[in-house]
Amino acid sequence: MQTSSTDRYAQLFDDLKTKQQGAFVPFVMLGDPDKQTSIEIILTLVENGADALELGFPFSDPIADGPTIQKAAIRALDQGIRPDDCFEIIAAVREKHADIPIGLLLYSNLVMKPGIEAFYAKAAQVGVDSILLADVPLRESAPFRDAAVKYNIKQILIAPPNASDDALADIAAASDGYIYLLGRAGVTGTESTATTPVAELAAKLNQHKGAPAVIGFGISKPEHVSAAIKAGAAGAIAGSATVNLIHDNLGDKQLMLQKLADFTQAMKAATL
């Protein structure tokens, strides 16, 4: 596990450990359903208990995303949202919340287009703490990890449920910030619970002294969060369930924000 000087993730996980809590981390697509509402959505999540943020950049061919998140990307793209808009949204959030860890979850094409260095430099400038590239395995991650180190950003790695012991040891050794532990293999979505033996995976990563393991995929209800924490994870990420609340309330912004607030409070309460 690597560390760096200004480390919002280390601070967060230390604080939560002291309080005997886990982290609740919602995911939303930047620019969904439009730029201004996106800022309001993210601020609502933070102000109602989100411990960290996982934010997506809309992309036209999201191979690892289920239909809910694909639709969110399409809504944002239809509004003309581009990477510069995404960075502006992040800057607006960072201005109001100096301490919350902000992570990006995106595809490597979006990073390669402007160039790895340029993308990471811009991300650092607006206050991004971590970057997870959904389509880049550890063996192909060196140039991205080099840029991450240079710009003091955590390169987040994915631990798949079918990883061998050797692979888990390698992931733990290279890990930074946190490790994204897949609750199950497949695309994102809320249709089934995290059924993989995540307790075993989390235990092995801890044994290898990896960064804290946070479970993603299949997290849609408070009981899923409780189960993730009980299994030894340091936290849980809810993507499709959060994005669904946006989709289901597109016609009523105030109701949407209220439902997101209630959801965040309930999910955070499940980490206690």
Protein backbone atom coordinates (compact mmCIF):
# COMPACT_ATOMS: atom_id res chain seq x y z
CA MET A 1 0.00 0.00 0.00
CA GLN A 2 1.31 3.43 -0.94
CA THR A 3 0.65 6.74 0.79
CA SER A 4 1.12 10.41 -0.03
CA SER A 5 1.26 13.72 1.79
CA THR A 6 -2.24 15.17 1.46
CA ASP A 7 -4.37 12.13 1.93
CA ARG A 8 -8.09 12.66 2.35
CA TYR A 9 -8.76 8.91 2.10
CA ALA A 10 -6.33 8.03 4.91
CA GLN A 11 -7.86 10.76 7.06
CA LEU A 12 -11.38 9.51 6.31
CA PHE A 13 -10.68 5.85 7.04
CA ASP A 14 -8.76 6.75 10.23
CA ASP A 15 -11.67 8.88 11.43
CA LEU A 16 -14.23 6.18 10.61
CA LYS A 17 -12.15 3.51 12.34
CA THR A 18 -12.06 5.64 15.49
CA LYS A 19 -15.85 6.06 15.31
CA GLN A 20 -16.30 2.35 14.43
CA GLN A 21 -18.14 3.21 11.23
CA GLY A 22 -17.85 2.20 7.61
CA ALA A 23 -17.84 4.54 4.61
CA PHE A 24 -20.88 5.12 2.46
CA VAL A 25 -19.86 6.22 -1.03
CA PRO A 26 -22.54 7.12 -3.59
CA PHE A 27 -21.79 7.15 -7.32
CA VAL A 28 -23.43 9.56 -9.77
CA MET A 29 -22.77 10.54 -13.37
CA LEU A 30 -21.40 14.07 -13.74
CA GLY A 31 -23.74 16.31 -15.71
CA ASP A 32 -26.81 14.11 -15.16
CA PRO A 33 -29.49 15.32 -15.77
CA ASP A 34 -27.88 18.74 -16.46
CA LYS A 35 -24.89 20.70 -15.19
CA GLN A 36 -26.56 22.80 -12.48
CA THR A 37 -28.74 19.98 -11.14
CA SER A 38 -25.67 17.72 -11.08
CA ILE A 39 -23.94 20.15 -8.69
CA GLU A 40 -27.04 20.29 -6.49
CA ILE A 41 -27.29 16.48 -6.46
CA ILE A 42 -23.68 16.03 -5.39
CA LEU A 43 -23.94 18.70 -2.67
CA THR A 44 -27.12 16.98 -1.40
CA LEU A 45 -25.24 13.66 -1.14
CA VAL A 46 -22.38 15.24 0.81
CA GLU A 47 -24.65 17.22 3.11
CA ASN A 48 -26.66 14.11 4.01
CA GLY A 49 -23.83 11.85 5.08
CA ALA A 50 -21.82 10.63 2.07
CA ASP A 51 -18.30 9.92 3.34
CA ALA A 52 -16.68 10.11 -0.10
CA LEU A 53 -17.84 10.55 -3.69
CA GLU A 54 -17.44 8.39 -6.77
CA LEU A 55 -18.18 10.39 -9.93
CA GLY A 56 -18.48 9.20 -13.52
CA PHE A 57 -17.60 10.99 -16.75
CA PRO A 58 -20.26 10.35 -19.41
CA PHE A 59 -18.96 8.09 -22.16
CA SER A 60 -20.76 6.81 -25.24
CA ASP A 61 -19.68 3.17 -24.90
CA PRO A 62 -19.63 2.18 -21.21
CA ILE A 63 -18.86 -1.55 -21.34
CA ALA A 64 -18.92 -2.22 -17.58
CA ASP A 65 -22.10 -0.30 -16.82
CA GLY A 66 -25.63 -1.60 -16.62
CA PRO A 67 -28.59 0.12 -18.28
CA THR A 68 -29.24 2.55 -15.40
CA ILE A 69 -25.79 4.13 -15.58
CA GLN A 70 -25.73 3.97 -19.40
CA LYS A 71 -28.94 6.00 -19.47
CA ALA A 72 -27.43 8.55 -17.08
CA ALA A 73 -24.43 8.93 -19.42
CA ILE A 74 -26.77 9.42 -22.39
CA ARG A 75 -28.77 12.08 -20.48
CA ALA A 76 -25.57 13.97 -19.71
CA LEU A 77 -24.21 13.65 -23.26
CA ASP A 78 -27.57 14.85 -24.63
CA GLN A 79 -27.11 17.98 -22.50
CA GLY A 80 -23.75 18.55 -24.22
CA ILE A 81 -21.73 17.62 -21.12
CA ARG A 82 -18.04 17.22 -21.96
CA PRO A 83 -14.97 16.54 -19.76
CA ASP A 84 -14.40 20.28 -19.17
CA ASP A 85 -17.94 20.57 -17.80
CA CYS A 86 -17.25 17.59 -15.53
CA PHE A 87 -14.14 19.27 -14.15
CA GLU A 88 -16.11 22.47 -13.55
CA ILE A 89 -18.76 20.56 -11.57
CA ILE A 90 -16.02 18.95 -9.45
CA ALA A 91 -14.38 22.34 -8.82
CA ALA A 92 -17.75 23.74 -7.65
CA VAL A 93 -18.16 20.84 -5.19
CA ARG A 94 -14.57 21.04 -3.96
CA GLU A 95 -14.96 24.76 -3.29
CA LYS A 96 -17.75 24.02 -0.79
CA HIS A 97 -16.32 20.81 0.71
CA ALA A 98 -12.56 20.88 1.27
CA ASP A 99 -12.19 17.55 3.06
CA ILE A 100 -14.36 14.98 1.30
CA PRO A 101 -12.48 12.48 -0.88
CA ILE A 102 -13.55 12.82 -4.52
CA GLY A 103 -12.96 9.86 -6.82
CA LEU A 104 -13.49 9.48 -10.55
CA LEU A 105 -14.67 6.25 -12.14
CA LEU A 106 -14.26 6.36 -15.88
CA TYR A 107 -12.92 4.73 -19.02
CA SER A 108 -9.36 5.02 -20.30
CA ASN A 109 -10.41 6.53 -23.68
CA LEU A 110 -11.45 9.71 -21.84
CA VAL A 111 -8.00 9.93 -20.27
CA MET A 112 -6.06 9.02 -23.42
CA LYS A 113 -7.81 11.61 -25.59
CA PRO A 114 -6.23 14.70 -23.97
CA GLY A 115 -3.20 12.62 -22.87
CA ILE A 116 -2.65 10.88 -19.54
CA GLU A 117 -0.49 13.69 -18.11
CA ALA A 118 -2.90 16.44 -19.16
CA PHE A 119 -5.92 14.61 -17.72
CA TYR A 120 -4.30 13.87 -14.37
CA ALA A 121 -2.93 17.42 -14.11
CA LYS A 122 -6.42 18.83 -14.66
CA ALA A 123 -7.96 16.37 -12.19
CA ALA A 124 -5.44 17.38 -9.54
CA GLN A 125 -6.08 21.06 -10.23
CA VAL A 126 -9.82 20.77 -9.45
CA GLY A 127 -9.29 18.69 -6.30
CA VAL A 128 -9.74 15.06 -7.42
CA ASP A 129 -8.30 12.53 -4.96
CA SER A 130 -8.53 9.30 -6.92
CA ILE A 131 -9.06 7.82 -10.38
CA LEU A 132 -10.39 4.35 -11.13
CA LEU A 133 -10.24 3.22 -14.76
CA ALA A 134 -12.89 0.55 -15.28
CA ASP A 135 -11.18 -0.98 -18.31
CA VAL A 136 -7.53 -0.97 -17.19
CA PRO A 137 -6.27 -4.07 -15.32
CA LEU A 138 -3.26 -3.86 -12.99
CA ARG A 139 -0.89 -5.24 -15.65
CA GLU A 140 -1.69 -2.30 -17.98
CA SER A 141 -1.86 0.38 -15.30
CA ALA A 142 1.80 1.52 -15.07
CA PRO A 143 1.54 4.74 -17.16
CA PHE A 144 -1.60 5.76 -15.28
CA ARG A 145 -0.05 4.99 -11.89
CA ASP A 146 3.04 7.01 -12.84
CA ALA A 147 0.86 10.03 -13.64
CA ALA A 148 -1.12 9.47 -10.43
CA VAL A 149 2.05 9.57 -8.33
CA LYS A 150 3.28 12.69 -10.13
CA TYR A 151 0.02 14.58 -9.47
CA ASN A 152 -0.63 13.19 -5.97
CA ILE A 153 -3.74 11.25 -7.06
CA LYS A 154 -4.62 7.75 -5.88
CA GLN A 155 -4.85 5.19 -8.68
CA ILE A 156 -7.64 2.90 -7.52
CA LEU A 157 -7.40 -0.76 -8.43
CA ILE A 158 -10.19 -3.31 -8.80
CA ALA A 159 -10.05 -6.65 -6.98
CA PRO A 160 -12.31 -9.00 -8.98
CA PRO A 161 -14.11 -11.84 -7.17
CA ASN A 162 -12.17 -14.47 -9.15
CA ALA A 163 -8.70 -13.03 -8.39
CA SER A 164 -6.00 -15.52 -7.41
CA ASP A 165 -4.04 -15.13 -4.18
CA ASP A 166 -1.04 -13.89 -6.17
CA ALA A 167 -3.18 -11.32 -7.98
CA LEU A 168 -4.65 -10.09 -4.69
CA ALA A 169 -1.13 -9.75 -3.26
CA ASP A 170 -0.09 -7.69 -6.32
CA ILE A 171 -3.20 -5.50 -6.10
CA ALA A 172 -2.66 -4.94 -2.37
CA ALA A 173 0.99 -4.00 -2.91
CA ALA A 174 0.14 -1.46 -5.63
CA SER A 175 -3.02 -0.18 -3.96
CA ASP A 176 -3.54 3.40 -2.93
CA GLY A 177 -6.47 5.20 -1.33
CA TYR A 178 -8.80 2.20 -1.31
CA ILE A 179 -9.36 -1.00 -3.26
CA TYR A 180 -12.58 -1.40 -5.26
CA LEU A 181 -13.77 -4.86 -4.34
CA LEU A 182 -16.26 -6.31 -6.80
CA GLY A 183 -19.23 -7.71 -4.92
CA ARG A 184 -19.91 -9.90 -7.94
CA ALA A 185 -18.70 -10.24 -11.50
CA GLY A 186 -20.68 -8.62 -14.31
CA VAL A 187 -22.09 -5.21 -15.07
CA THR A 188 -23.28 -2.74 -12.48
CA GLY A 189 -26.88 -2.85 -11.32
CA THR A 190 -29.16 -3.49 -8.40
CA GLU A 191 -30.95 -6.60 -9.55
CA SER A 192 -29.04 -8.98 -7.27
CA THR A 193 -27.23 -8.89 -3.98
CA ALA A 194 -23.47 -9.05 -3.52
CA THR A 195 -23.09 -12.82 -3.23
CA THR A 196 -19.35 -13.34 -3.77
CA PRO A 197 -17.41 -14.49 -0.68
CA VAL A 198 -16.34 -10.88 -0.13
CA ALA A 199 -15.38 -11.62 3.49
CA GLU A 200 -12.64 -13.93 2.21
CA LEU A 201 -11.42 -11.41 -0.38
CA ALA A 202 -11.43 -8.54 2.15
CA ALA A 203 -9.55 -10.69 4.67
CA LYS A 204 -6.89 -11.61 2.10
CA LEU A 205 -6.41 -7.97 1.03
CA ASN A 206 -6.10 -6.92 4.68
CA GLN A 207 -3.63 -9.76 5.24
CA HIS A 208 -1.53 -8.41 2.35
CA LYS A 209 -1.73 -4.94 3.97
CA GLY A 210 -3.63 -3.42 1.07
CA ALA A 211 -5.52 -0.14 1.17
CA PRO A 212 -9.02 -0.39 2.72
CA ALA A 213 -11.40 -2.54 0.66
CA VAL A 214 -14.65 -0.89 -0.40
CA ILE A 215 -17.38 -3.05 -1.95
CA GLY A 216 -19.11 -1.96 -5.15
CA PHE A 217 -21.73 -3.74 -7.31
CA GLY A 218 -25.01 -5.00 -5.94
CA ILE A 219 -25.24 -2.36 -3.17
CA SER A 220 -28.73 -0.87 -3.26
CA LYS A 221 -30.21 -1.10 0.25
CA PRO A 222 -29.07 -0.35 3.80
CA GLU A 223 -28.89 -4.07 4.58
CA HIS A 224 -26.37 -4.52 1.74
CA VAL A 225 -24.20 -1.82 3.34
CA SER A 226 -24.43 -3.52 6.76
CA ALA A 227 -23.52 -6.87 5.19
CA ALA A 228 -20.50 -5.32 3.41
CA ILE A 229 -19.20 -3.82 6.66
CA LYS A 230 -19.82 -7.07 8.57
CA ALA A 231 -17.89 -8.94 5.85
CA GLY A 232 -14.82 -6.84 6.71
CA ALA A 233 -15.05 -4.12 4.06
CA ALA A 234 -14.23 -0.54 5.04
CA GLY A 235 -17.21 0.76 3.09
CA ALA A 236 -19.71 0.31 0.28
CA ILE A 237 -20.36 2.10 -3.01
CA ALA A 238 -23.91 2.47 -4.36
CA GLY A 239 -24.12 3.41 -8.03
CA SER A 240 -27.19 2.20 -9.87
CA ALA A 241 -29.46 2.66 -6.83
CA THR A 242 -28.39 6.31 -6.49
CA VAL A 243 -28.69 6.98 -10.22
CA ASN A 244 -32.14 5.33 -10.28
CA LEU A 245 -33.44 7.99 -7.88
CA ILE A 246 -32.37 10.65 -10.36
CA HIS A 247 -33.97 8.81 -13.29
CA ASP A 248 -37.23 8.16 -11.42
CA ASN A 249 -37.70 11.81 -10.41
CA LEU A 250 -36.57 13.75 -13.47
CA GLY A 251 -39.86 15.66 -13.54
CA ASP A 252 -39.56 17.01 -9.97
CA LYS A 253 -36.15 18.29 -8.91
CA GLN A 254 -37.10 19.02 -5.29
CA LEU A 255 -38.54 15.54 -4.83
CA MET A 256 -35.44 14.06 -6.46
CA LEU A 257 -33.12 15.91 -4.04
CA GLN A 258 -35.29 14.89 -1.08
CA LYS A 259 -35.25 11.22 -2.09
CA LEU A 260 -31.46 11.35 -2.56
CA ALA A 261 -31.12 12.96 0.88
CA ASP A 262 -33.29 10.28 2.53
CA PHE A 263 -31.46 7.48 0.70
CA THR A 264 -28.02 8.81 1.69
CA GLN A 265 -29.02 9.16 5.35
CA ALA A 266 -30.41 5.59 5.43
CA MET A 267 -27.33 4.12 3.71
CA LYS A 268 -24.95 6.03 5.99
CA ALA A 269 -26.90 4.91 9.08
CA ALA A 270 -26.27 1.30 7.99
CA THR A 271 -22.49 1.82 8.36
CA LEU A 272 -22.76 2.60 12.08
